[in-house]
Amino acid sequence: MPVNQPPELLTRRLDPKEKLIWWDRPKLGLMLRRSDLFMIPFSIFWAGFAFAWESAVIAGDAPWLLKLWGIPFVVIGVYILFGRFISDAWRRSRMYYGLTEKRAIIATPKSLQSIELSGLTELSLREGGNDRGSITFGRDIASGRGRNGSYHWTEGPSAPTFEGIADAARVYAEIRKLQNKSD
């Protein structure tokens, strides 16, 4: 847990008499996920094809409508190649996680997710390098292949997640302890 005071973004959203036991924020900067094993090659292929198409059409004597046709595909290619990483890093830079005796909190300046620990049926820990990891509250289908074998290309997990936090195993153990207390 960071040694300084919790941010006002979390403390103003606490119920009366509720206290933060732990708080942190996600890993900042570039974050690669399992889904990127598929998305990076796919985005290179998409963007490469879109750039090649648009270059050939512009260099050739094609009608102006055909020249315009490729622009959305180039824009999508740029986004899935680079923009999604920038968007994800920006989203995480504005996010804080908190844990009280009764709930887990995921807060941004414009949104709040509150997960009641007593009714939580599925909790998972995924440890990474540098003592960081992620705790998912519920079933996460966006971190790679879904149950039906299809890939999902969302920016981040589909279930509420404390993503890329320091000392994730200790926080996971604390959540399990709080769940057992509430039973």
N, C-alpha and C. Protein backbone atom coordinates (compact mmCIF):
# COMPACT_ATOMS: atom_id res chain seq x y z
N MET A 1 0.85 -1.19 0.00
CA MET A 1 0.00 0.00 0.00
C MET A 1 0.89 1.24 0.00
N PRO A 2 0.55 2.21 -0.80
CA PRO A 2 1.31 3.46 -0.78
C PRO A 2 1.28 4.08 0.61
N VAL A 3 2.38 4.69 1.00
CA VAL A 3 2.48 5.23 2.36
C VAL A 3 1.78 6.57 2.52
N ASN A 4 1.52 7.29 1.44
CA ASN A 4 0.86 8.58 1.57
C ASN A 4 -0.66 8.41 1.72
N GLN A 5 -1.34 9.52 1.85
CA GLN A 5 -2.78 9.51 2.08
C GLN A 5 -3.54 9.02 0.85
N PRO A 6 -4.67 8.33 1.07
CA PRO A 6 -5.48 7.90 -0.07
C PRO A 6 -6.02 9.12 -0.82
N PRO A 7 -6.21 8.99 -2.12
CA PRO A 7 -6.71 10.12 -2.89
C PRO A 7 -8.15 10.46 -2.53
N GLU A 8 -8.48 11.72 -2.69
CA GLU A 8 -9.83 12.21 -2.41
C GLU A 8 -10.85 11.52 -3.31
N LEU A 9 -10.42 11.10 -4.47
CA LEU A 9 -11.30 10.38 -5.40
C LEU A 9 -11.89 9.13 -4.74
N LEU A 10 -11.15 8.47 -3.87
CA LEU A 10 -11.65 7.30 -3.14
C LEU A 10 -12.36 7.69 -1.85
N THR A 11 -11.75 8.55 -1.08
CA THR A 11 -12.30 8.86 0.25
C THR A 11 -13.67 9.51 0.20
N ARG A 12 -13.94 10.30 -0.82
CA ARG A 12 -15.26 10.96 -0.91
C ARG A 12 -16.37 9.98 -1.28
N ARG A 13 -15.99 8.79 -1.72
CA ARG A 13 -17.00 7.80 -2.12
C ARG A 13 -17.23 6.73 -1.06
N LEU A 14 -16.64 6.90 0.10
CA LEU A 14 -16.84 5.95 1.18
C LEU A 14 -18.15 6.25 1.91
N ASP A 15 -18.78 5.21 2.41
CA ASP A 15 -19.97 5.37 3.23
C ASP A 15 -19.56 5.89 4.60
N PRO A 16 -20.50 6.48 5.34
CA PRO A 16 -20.16 6.91 6.71
C PRO A 16 -19.64 5.72 7.52
N LYS A 17 -18.62 5.94 8.29
CA LYS A 17 -17.96 4.94 9.15
C LYS A 17 -17.20 3.88 8.36
N GLU A 18 -17.15 3.99 7.05
CA GLU A 18 -16.39 3.04 6.24
C GLU A 18 -14.95 3.55 6.11
N LYS A 19 -13.98 2.66 6.24
CA LYS A 19 -12.57 3.05 6.17
C LYS A 19 -11.85 2.19 5.14
N LEU A 20 -10.90 2.83 4.47
CA LEU A 20 -10.08 2.09 3.51
C LEU A 20 -9.07 1.24 4.28
N ILE A 21 -9.00 -0.04 3.93
CA ILE A 21 -8.00 -0.94 4.48
C ILE A 21 -6.76 -0.90 3.59
N TRP A 22 -6.99 -0.76 2.30
CA TRP A 22 -5.92 -0.78 1.31
C TRP A 22 -6.34 0.08 0.12
N TRP A 23 -5.38 0.69 -0.54
CA TRP A 23 -5.64 1.39 -1.80
C TRP A 23 -4.38 1.38 -2.65
N ASP A 24 -4.59 1.46 -3.93
CA ASP A 24 -3.48 1.48 -4.89
C ASP A 24 -4.04 1.93 -6.23
N ARG A 25 -3.20 1.93 -7.21
CA ARG A 25 -3.63 2.21 -8.57
C ARG A 25 -3.03 1.18 -9.50
N PRO A 26 -3.58 1.05 -10.70
CA PRO A 26 -3.03 0.05 -11.62
C PRO A 26 -1.64 0.43 -12.11
N LYS A 27 -0.98 -0.54 -12.69
CA LYS A 27 0.31 -0.28 -13.32
C LYS A 27 0.10 0.81 -14.37
N LEU A 28 1.00 1.76 -14.39
CA LEU A 28 0.89 2.85 -15.35
C LEU A 28 1.72 2.56 -16.59
N GLY A 29 1.43 3.23 -17.68
CA GLY A 29 2.18 3.05 -18.92
C GLY A 29 1.67 1.89 -19.75
N LEU A 30 2.54 1.39 -20.61
CA LEU A 30 2.18 0.30 -21.51
C LEU A 30 1.95 -0.98 -20.72
N MET A 31 0.85 -1.64 -21.01
CA MET A 31 0.54 -2.90 -20.35
C MET A 31 0.09 -3.90 -21.41
N LEU A 32 0.82 -4.99 -21.54
CA LEU A 32 0.46 -6.03 -22.49
C LEU A 32 -0.36 -7.09 -21.78
N ARG A 33 -1.34 -7.63 -22.51
CA ARG A 33 -2.23 -8.65 -21.96
C ARG A 33 -2.13 -9.91 -22.82
N ARG A 34 -2.69 -11.01 -22.33
CA ARG A 34 -2.69 -12.25 -23.09
C ARG A 34 -3.38 -12.09 -24.44
N SER A 35 -4.41 -11.27 -24.49
CA SER A 35 -5.14 -11.07 -25.75
C SER A 35 -4.25 -10.42 -26.81
N ASP A 36 -3.17 -9.77 -26.40
CA ASP A 36 -2.26 -9.14 -27.36
C ASP A 36 -1.48 -10.18 -28.18
N LEU A 37 -1.42 -11.42 -27.71
CA LEU A 37 -0.79 -12.47 -28.51
C LEU A 37 -1.52 -12.62 -29.85
N PHE A 38 -2.80 -12.37 -29.85
CA PHE A 38 -3.58 -12.38 -31.08
C PHE A 38 -3.68 -10.99 -31.70
N MET A 39 -3.91 -9.99 -30.87
CA MET A 39 -4.21 -8.65 -31.38
C MET A 39 -3.03 -7.97 -32.06
N ILE A 40 -1.83 -8.16 -31.58
CA ILE A 40 -0.68 -7.49 -32.20
C ILE A 40 -0.45 -8.00 -33.63
N PRO A 41 -0.39 -9.32 -33.86
CA PRO A 41 -0.25 -9.76 -35.26
C PRO A 41 -1.45 -9.34 -36.12
N PHE A 42 -2.66 -9.44 -35.56
CA PHE A 42 -3.85 -9.04 -36.32
C PHE A 42 -3.79 -7.55 -36.67
N SER A 43 -3.39 -6.71 -35.73
CA SER A 43 -3.34 -5.27 -36.00
C SER A 43 -2.26 -4.93 -37.02
N ILE A 44 -1.14 -5.65 -37.01
CA ILE A 44 -0.10 -5.43 -38.02
C ILE A 44 -0.63 -5.81 -39.40
N PHE A 45 -1.31 -6.95 -39.48
CA PHE A 45 -1.89 -7.38 -40.75
C PHE A 45 -2.93 -6.37 -41.24
N TRP A 46 -3.85 -5.99 -40.36
CA TRP A 46 -4.92 -5.04 -40.74
C TRP A 46 -4.33 -3.72 -41.21
N ALA A 47 -3.47 -3.14 -40.39
CA ALA A 47 -2.90 -1.83 -40.73
C ALA A 47 -2.05 -1.93 -41.99
N GLY A 48 -1.27 -2.99 -42.13
CA GLY A 48 -0.45 -3.16 -43.33
C GLY A 48 -1.30 -3.24 -44.59
N PHE A 49 -2.35 -4.02 -44.52
CA PHE A 49 -3.24 -4.15 -45.68
C PHE A 49 -3.92 -2.81 -45.97
N ALA A 50 -4.42 -2.14 -44.95
CA ALA A 50 -5.11 -0.86 -45.15
C ALA A 50 -4.17 0.19 -45.73
N PHE A 51 -2.94 0.27 -45.22
CA PHE A 51 -1.96 1.23 -45.74
C PHE A 51 -1.60 0.89 -47.20
N ALA A 52 -1.38 -0.39 -47.48
CA ALA A 52 -1.03 -0.81 -48.84
C ALA A 52 -2.18 -0.49 -49.81
N TRP A 53 -3.40 -0.80 -49.40
CA TRP A 53 -4.58 -0.51 -50.22
C TRP A 53 -4.67 0.98 -50.52
N GLU A 54 -4.62 1.76 -49.46
CA GLU A 54 -4.80 3.21 -49.62
C GLU A 54 -3.67 3.82 -50.45
N SER A 55 -2.45 3.36 -50.24
CA SER A 55 -1.31 3.86 -51.02
C SER A 55 -1.48 3.53 -52.50
N ALA A 56 -1.89 2.31 -52.79
CA ALA A 56 -2.07 1.89 -54.19
C ALA A 56 -3.19 2.68 -54.85
N VAL A 57 -4.26 2.91 -54.13
CA VAL A 57 -5.41 3.64 -54.69
C VAL A 57 -5.05 5.10 -54.93
N ILE A 58 -4.33 5.71 -53.99
CA ILE A 58 -3.95 7.12 -54.15
C ILE A 58 -2.93 7.27 -55.27
N ALA A 59 -1.96 6.35 -55.35
CA ALA A 59 -0.93 6.43 -56.39
C ALA A 59 -1.51 6.13 -57.78
N GLY A 60 -2.54 5.30 -57.81
CA GLY A 60 -3.14 4.93 -59.09
C GLY A 60 -4.13 5.98 -59.57
N ASP A 61 -4.79 5.67 -60.62
CA ASP A 61 -5.76 6.59 -61.21
C ASP A 61 -7.18 6.17 -60.82
N ALA A 62 -7.39 5.92 -59.53
CA ALA A 62 -8.68 5.44 -59.05
C ALA A 62 -9.63 6.61 -58.82
N PRO A 63 -10.94 6.35 -58.88
CA PRO A 63 -11.93 7.40 -58.60
C PRO A 63 -11.79 7.90 -57.15
N TRP A 64 -12.22 9.12 -56.91
CA TRP A 64 -12.09 9.73 -55.58
C TRP A 64 -12.86 8.96 -54.52
N LEU A 65 -13.98 8.32 -54.90
CA LEU A 65 -14.77 7.54 -53.95
C LEU A 65 -13.95 6.36 -53.41
N LEU A 66 -13.18 5.71 -54.27
CA LEU A 66 -12.33 4.61 -53.85
C LEU A 66 -11.21 5.10 -52.94
N LYS A 67 -10.72 6.30 -53.21
CA LYS A 67 -9.67 6.88 -52.35
C LYS A 67 -10.22 7.15 -50.95
N LEU A 68 -11.46 7.61 -50.88
CA LEU A 68 -12.08 7.87 -49.58
C LEU A 68 -12.45 6.57 -48.85
N TRP A 69 -12.79 5.55 -49.62
CA TRP A 69 -13.24 4.27 -49.06
C TRP A 69 -12.21 3.69 -48.07
N GLY A 70 -10.93 3.80 -48.35
CA GLY A 70 -9.90 3.19 -47.50
C GLY A 70 -9.56 3.95 -46.24
N ILE A 71 -9.94 5.23 -46.17
CA ILE A 71 -9.56 6.06 -45.01
C ILE A 71 -10.06 5.49 -43.68
N PRO A 72 -11.34 5.08 -43.56
CA PRO A 72 -11.76 4.51 -42.26
C PRO A 72 -10.96 3.27 -41.87
N PHE A 73 -10.56 2.46 -42.85
CA PHE A 73 -9.78 1.26 -42.55
C PHE A 73 -8.37 1.62 -42.08
N VAL A 74 -7.81 2.68 -42.62
CA VAL A 74 -6.50 3.16 -42.17
C VAL A 74 -6.62 3.69 -40.74
N VAL A 75 -7.68 4.44 -40.45
CA VAL A 75 -7.89 4.98 -39.10
C VAL A 75 -8.06 3.84 -38.09
N ILE A 76 -8.85 2.85 -38.45
CA ILE A 76 -9.02 1.68 -37.56
C ILE A 76 -7.67 0.98 -37.37
N GLY A 77 -6.91 0.84 -38.43
CA GLY A 77 -5.59 0.21 -38.34
C GLY A 77 -4.66 0.95 -37.41
N VAL A 78 -4.64 2.27 -37.49
CA VAL A 78 -3.80 3.07 -36.60
C VAL A 78 -4.25 2.90 -35.15
N TYR A 79 -5.58 2.87 -34.93
CA TYR A 79 -6.08 2.71 -33.57
C TYR A 79 -5.69 1.35 -32.99
N ILE A 80 -5.95 0.26 -33.71
CA ILE A 80 -5.66 -1.06 -33.13
C ILE A 80 -4.17 -1.35 -33.07
N LEU A 81 -3.38 -0.63 -33.85
CA LEU A 81 -1.93 -0.82 -33.81
C LEU A 81 -1.30 -0.02 -32.67
N PHE A 82 -1.71 1.25 -32.49
CA PHE A 82 -1.11 2.13 -31.48
C PHE A 82 -2.13 2.74 -30.52
N GLY A 83 -3.21 3.21 -31.05
CA GLY A 83 -4.17 3.99 -30.26
C GLY A 83 -4.76 3.27 -29.08
N ARG A 84 -5.00 1.98 -29.22
CA ARG A 84 -5.60 1.24 -28.10
C ARG A 84 -4.67 1.19 -26.89
N PHE A 85 -3.35 1.17 -27.13
CA PHE A 85 -2.40 1.19 -26.02
C PHE A 85 -2.40 2.55 -25.33
N ILE A 86 -2.48 3.60 -26.11
CA ILE A 86 -2.52 4.97 -25.55
C ILE A 86 -3.82 5.16 -24.76
N SER A 87 -4.93 4.73 -25.34
CA SER A 87 -6.23 4.85 -24.67
C SER A 87 -6.26 4.07 -23.36
N ASP A 88 -5.74 2.86 -23.37
CA ASP A 88 -5.70 2.03 -22.17
C ASP A 88 -4.82 2.65 -21.09
N ALA A 89 -3.64 3.15 -21.47
CA ALA A 89 -2.75 3.79 -20.49
C ALA A 89 -3.40 5.03 -19.90
N TRP A 90 -4.09 5.81 -20.71
CA TRP A 90 -4.78 7.01 -20.22
C TRP A 90 -5.90 6.62 -19.25
N ARG A 91 -6.67 5.58 -19.60
CA ARG A 91 -7.77 5.11 -18.73
C ARG A 91 -7.22 4.67 -17.37
N ARG A 92 -6.14 3.91 -17.35
CA ARG A 92 -5.57 3.44 -16.10
C ARG A 92 -4.92 4.56 -15.29
N SER A 93 -4.41 5.60 -15.96
CA SER A 93 -3.76 6.71 -15.24
C SER A 93 -4.75 7.50 -14.40
N ARG A 94 -6.03 7.36 -14.66
CA ARG A 94 -7.07 8.09 -13.93
C ARG A 94 -7.82 7.19 -12.95
N MET A 95 -7.32 6.00 -12.69
CA MET A 95 -8.04 4.98 -11.93
C MET A 95 -7.37 4.71 -10.58
N TYR A 96 -8.21 4.47 -9.57
CA TYR A 96 -7.74 4.07 -8.24
C TYR A 96 -8.54 2.89 -7.75
N TYR A 97 -7.90 2.04 -6.97
CA TYR A 97 -8.55 0.88 -6.36
C TYR A 97 -8.56 1.06 -4.86
N GLY A 98 -9.64 0.62 -4.23
CA GLY A 98 -9.72 0.66 -2.79
C GLY A 98 -10.38 -0.60 -2.25
N LEU A 99 -10.08 -0.90 -1.00
CA LEU A 99 -10.65 -2.06 -0.33
C LEU A 99 -11.07 -1.65 1.07
N THR A 100 -12.33 -1.91 1.41
CA THR A 100 -12.84 -1.69 2.75
C THR A 100 -13.22 -3.05 3.33
N GLU A 101 -13.76 -3.07 4.53
CA GLU A 101 -14.16 -4.34 5.13
C GLU A 101 -15.31 -5.00 4.38
N LYS A 102 -16.08 -4.20 3.63
CA LYS A 102 -17.27 -4.74 2.98
C LYS A 102 -17.20 -4.79 1.46
N ARG A 103 -16.35 -3.99 0.83
CA ARG A 103 -16.39 -3.92 -0.62
C ARG A 103 -15.04 -3.54 -1.24
N ALA A 104 -14.95 -3.86 -2.51
CA ALA A 104 -13.82 -3.44 -3.33
C ALA A 104 -14.34 -2.29 -4.20
N ILE A 105 -13.49 -1.27 -4.40
CA ILE A 105 -13.90 -0.07 -5.12
C ILE A 105 -12.93 0.18 -6.28
N ILE A 106 -13.50 0.46 -7.44
CA ILE A 106 -12.72 0.88 -8.60
C ILE A 106 -13.27 2.24 -8.99
N ALA A 107 -12.44 3.28 -8.87
CA ALA A 107 -12.92 4.64 -9.07
C ALA A 107 -12.11 5.38 -10.12
N THR A 108 -12.82 6.13 -10.94
CA THR A 108 -12.22 7.09 -11.86
C THR A 108 -12.93 8.41 -11.61
N PRO A 109 -12.47 9.51 -12.19
CA PRO A 109 -13.16 10.78 -11.94
C PRO A 109 -14.64 10.77 -12.32
N LYS A 110 -15.04 9.93 -13.27
CA LYS A 110 -16.43 9.94 -13.72
C LYS A 110 -17.19 8.64 -13.49
N SER A 111 -16.57 7.66 -12.84
CA SER A 111 -17.29 6.40 -12.61
C SER A 111 -16.84 5.74 -11.31
N LEU A 112 -17.69 4.87 -10.84
CA LEU A 112 -17.41 4.12 -9.61
C LEU A 112 -17.98 2.73 -9.77
N GLN A 113 -17.17 1.72 -9.48
CA GLN A 113 -17.64 0.34 -9.41
C GLN A 113 -17.43 -0.11 -7.98
N SER A 114 -18.46 -0.70 -7.42
CA SER A 114 -18.40 -1.19 -6.06
C SER A 114 -18.77 -2.66 -6.06
N ILE A 115 -17.89 -3.50 -5.55
CA ILE A 115 -18.11 -4.94 -5.54
C ILE A 115 -18.25 -5.39 -4.09
N GLU A 116 -19.44 -5.84 -3.74
CA GLU A 116 -19.68 -6.32 -2.38
C GLU A 116 -18.94 -7.64 -2.18
N LEU A 117 -18.12 -7.73 -1.16
CA LEU A 117 -17.31 -8.92 -0.93
C LEU A 117 -18.15 -10.09 -0.43
N SER A 118 -19.22 -9.82 0.31
CA SER A 118 -20.01 -10.90 0.89
C SER A 118 -20.73 -11.73 -0.16
N GLY A 119 -21.16 -11.14 -1.25
CA GLY A 119 -21.88 -11.89 -2.28
C GLY A 119 -21.02 -12.36 -3.42
N LEU A 120 -19.73 -12.15 -3.32
CA LEU A 120 -18.81 -12.49 -4.40
C LEU A 120 -18.61 -14.00 -4.47
N THR A 121 -18.89 -14.58 -5.65
CA THR A 121 -18.77 -16.04 -5.78
C THR A 121 -17.51 -16.47 -6.50
N GLU A 122 -16.93 -15.59 -7.30
CA GLU A 122 -15.72 -15.96 -8.03
C GLU A 122 -14.67 -14.85 -7.89
N LEU A 123 -13.49 -15.25 -7.47
CA LEU A 123 -12.37 -14.33 -7.27
C LEU A 123 -11.13 -15.03 -7.78
N SER A 124 -10.35 -14.35 -8.63
CA SER A 124 -9.15 -15.01 -9.15
C SER A 124 -7.95 -14.08 -9.08
N LEU A 125 -6.79 -14.69 -8.93
CA LEU A 125 -5.51 -13.98 -8.85
C LEU A 125 -4.65 -14.44 -10.01
N ARG A 126 -4.08 -13.47 -10.72
CA ARG A 126 -3.12 -13.77 -11.78
C ARG A 126 -1.86 -12.98 -11.47
N GLU A 127 -0.80 -13.70 -11.09
CA GLU A 127 0.45 -13.04 -10.72
C GLU A 127 1.31 -12.84 -11.96
N GLY A 128 1.98 -11.70 -12.00
CA GLY A 128 2.90 -11.38 -13.10
C GLY A 128 4.29 -11.17 -12.55
N GLY A 129 5.09 -10.44 -13.29
CA GLY A 129 6.44 -10.16 -12.85
C GLY A 129 6.51 -8.96 -11.93
N ASN A 130 7.67 -8.78 -11.33
CA ASN A 130 7.93 -7.64 -10.44
C ASN A 130 6.94 -7.52 -9.30
N ASP A 131 6.47 -8.65 -8.77
CA ASP A 131 5.56 -8.67 -7.62
C ASP A 131 4.23 -7.98 -7.93
N ARG A 132 3.89 -7.85 -9.17
CA ARG A 132 2.60 -7.26 -9.57
C ARG A 132 1.69 -8.36 -10.05
N GLY A 133 0.40 -8.09 -10.01
CA GLY A 133 -0.57 -9.05 -10.49
C GLY A 133 -1.94 -8.41 -10.58
N SER A 134 -2.92 -9.24 -10.90
CA SER A 134 -4.29 -8.75 -11.06
C SER A 134 -5.25 -9.64 -10.30
N ILE A 135 -6.25 -9.02 -9.70
CA ILE A 135 -7.31 -9.73 -8.99
C ILE A 135 -8.61 -9.43 -9.72
N THR A 136 -9.29 -10.49 -10.17
CA THR A 136 -10.52 -10.33 -10.93
C THR A 136 -11.70 -10.77 -10.07
N PHE A 137 -12.71 -9.93 -10.02
CA PHE A 137 -13.93 -10.17 -9.25
C PHE A 137 -15.00 -10.67 -10.21
N GLY A 138 -15.10 -12.00 -10.37
CA GLY A 138 -16.04 -12.57 -11.31
C GLY A 138 -15.31 -13.22 -12.47
N ARG A 139 -16.05 -13.62 -13.49
CA ARG A 139 -15.47 -14.31 -14.66
C ARG A 139 -15.01 -13.28 -15.68
N ASP A 140 -13.74 -13.37 -16.05
CA ASP A 140 -13.16 -12.45 -17.04
C ASP A 140 -13.06 -13.15 -18.38
N ILE A 141 -13.84 -12.69 -19.35
CA ILE A 141 -13.80 -13.32 -20.67
C ILE A 141 -12.96 -12.53 -21.65
N ALA A 142 -12.46 -11.34 -21.26
CA ALA A 142 -11.75 -10.49 -22.21
C ALA A 142 -10.25 -10.68 -22.23
N SER A 143 -9.72 -11.51 -21.39
CA SER A 143 -8.26 -11.64 -21.31
C SER A 143 -7.75 -12.78 -22.18
N GLY A 144 -8.30 -12.94 -23.33
CA GLY A 144 -7.86 -13.98 -24.23
C GLY A 144 -9.06 -14.66 -24.85
N ARG A 145 -9.03 -15.97 -24.92
CA ARG A 145 -10.12 -16.71 -25.53
C ARG A 145 -11.30 -16.80 -24.58
N GLY A 146 -12.48 -16.61 -25.13
CA GLY A 146 -13.70 -16.78 -24.36
C GLY A 146 -14.07 -18.25 -24.28
N ARG A 147 -15.18 -18.54 -23.64
CA ARG A 147 -15.61 -19.94 -23.50
C ARG A 147 -15.91 -20.59 -24.86
N ASN A 148 -16.39 -19.80 -25.81
CA ASN A 148 -16.70 -20.36 -27.11
C ASN A 148 -15.49 -20.38 -28.05
N GLY A 149 -14.31 -20.04 -27.55
CA GLY A 149 -13.09 -20.09 -28.35
C GLY A 149 -12.79 -18.82 -29.12
N SER A 150 -13.69 -17.84 -29.06
CA SER A 150 -13.47 -16.61 -29.82
C SER A 150 -12.58 -15.66 -29.03
N TYR A 151 -11.93 -14.76 -29.77
CA TYR A 151 -11.09 -13.75 -29.13
C TYR A 151 -11.89 -12.49 -28.87
N HIS A 152 -11.55 -11.79 -27.81
CA HIS A 152 -12.17 -10.52 -27.47
C HIS A 152 -11.08 -9.47 -27.49
N TRP A 153 -11.34 -8.31 -28.04
CA TRP A 153 -10.29 -7.29 -28.14
C TRP A 153 -10.68 -6.01 -27.44
N THR A 154 -11.13 -6.16 -26.21
CA THR A 154 -11.46 -4.99 -25.40
C THR A 154 -10.20 -4.43 -24.78
N GLU A 155 -10.30 -3.20 -24.28
CA GLU A 155 -9.18 -2.58 -23.58
C GLU A 155 -9.30 -2.91 -22.10
N GLY A 156 -8.75 -4.00 -21.71
CA GLY A 156 -8.79 -4.36 -20.31
C GLY A 156 -9.80 -5.46 -20.06
N PRO A 157 -9.88 -5.89 -18.82
CA PRO A 157 -10.72 -7.01 -18.46
C PRO A 157 -12.21 -6.68 -18.57
N SER A 158 -13.03 -7.72 -18.78
CA SER A 158 -14.47 -7.52 -18.86
C SER A 158 -15.12 -7.53 -17.47
N ALA A 159 -14.54 -8.23 -16.53
CA ALA A 159 -15.05 -8.26 -15.16
C ALA A 159 -14.29 -7.21 -14.34
N PRO A 160 -14.89 -6.71 -13.27
CA PRO A 160 -14.15 -5.76 -12.42
C PRO A 160 -12.83 -6.38 -11.97
N THR A 161 -11.74 -5.61 -12.09
CA THR A 161 -10.40 -6.13 -11.81
C THR A 161 -9.52 -5.08 -11.18
N PHE A 162 -8.78 -5.48 -10.14
CA PHE A 162 -7.66 -4.68 -9.65
C PHE A 162 -6.50 -5.11 -10.55
N GLU A 163 -6.19 -4.34 -11.56
CA GLU A 163 -5.27 -4.75 -12.61
C GLU A 163 -3.88 -4.16 -12.39
N GLY A 164 -2.87 -5.04 -12.43
CA GLY A 164 -1.48 -4.60 -12.34
C GLY A 164 -1.14 -3.94 -11.02
N ILE A 165 -1.62 -4.51 -9.91
CA ILE A 165 -1.34 -3.91 -8.60
C ILE A 165 -0.09 -4.52 -7.98
N ALA A 166 0.55 -3.76 -7.12
CA ALA A 166 1.71 -4.25 -6.38
C ALA A 166 1.25 -5.20 -5.28
N ASP A 167 2.05 -6.21 -5.01
CA ASP A 167 1.80 -7.17 -3.94
C ASP A 167 0.40 -7.79 -4.03
N ALA A 168 0.05 -8.24 -5.23
CA ALA A 168 -1.29 -8.76 -5.50
C ALA A 168 -1.65 -9.97 -4.64
N ALA A 169 -0.70 -10.85 -4.38
CA ALA A 169 -0.99 -12.05 -3.57
C ALA A 169 -1.41 -11.68 -2.16
N ARG A 170 -0.77 -10.66 -1.58
CA ARG A 170 -1.14 -10.22 -0.23
C ARG A 170 -2.53 -9.60 -0.23
N VAL A 171 -2.85 -8.81 -1.25
CA VAL A 171 -4.17 -8.18 -1.34
C VAL A 171 -5.24 -9.25 -1.55
N TYR A 172 -4.94 -10.25 -2.38
CA TYR A 172 -5.87 -11.36 -2.60
C TYR A 172 -6.16 -12.08 -1.28
N ALA A 173 -5.11 -12.35 -0.50
CA ALA A 173 -5.28 -13.03 0.79
C ALA A 173 -6.13 -12.17 1.73
N GLU A 174 -5.94 -10.86 1.70
CA GLU A 174 -6.73 -9.95 2.54
C GLU A 174 -8.21 -9.98 2.13
N ILE A 175 -8.48 -10.00 0.85
CA ILE A 175 -9.87 -10.07 0.37
C ILE A 175 -10.51 -11.37 0.82
N ARG A 176 -9.79 -12.49 0.69
CA ARG A 176 -10.33 -13.78 1.13
C ARG A 176 -10.60 -13.78 2.63
N LYS A 177 -9.72 -13.14 3.40
CA LYS A 177 -9.91 -13.04 4.85
C LYS A 177 -11.18 -12.23 5.16
N LEU A 178 -11.37 -11.13 4.44
CA LEU A 178 -12.56 -10.31 4.65
C LEU A 178 -13.83 -11.06 4.23
N GLN A 179 -13.76 -11.84 3.18
CA GLN A 179 -14.92 -12.64 2.77
C GLN A 179 -15.28 -13.66 3.84
N ASN A 180 -14.28 -14.32 4.40
CA ASN A 180 -14.54 -15.32 5.44
C ASN A 180 -15.10 -14.69 6.71
N LYS A 181 -14.69 -13.45 6.98
CA LYS A 181 -15.20 -12.74 8.15
C LYS A 181 -16.69 -12.43 8.00
N SER A 182 -17.10 -12.14 6.76
CA SER A 182 -18.49 -11.74 6.54
C SER A 182 -19.45 -12.91 6.49
N ASP A 183 -18.92 -14.16 6.40
CA ASP A 183 -19.80 -15.35 6.35
C ASP A 183 -20.40 -15.67 7.69
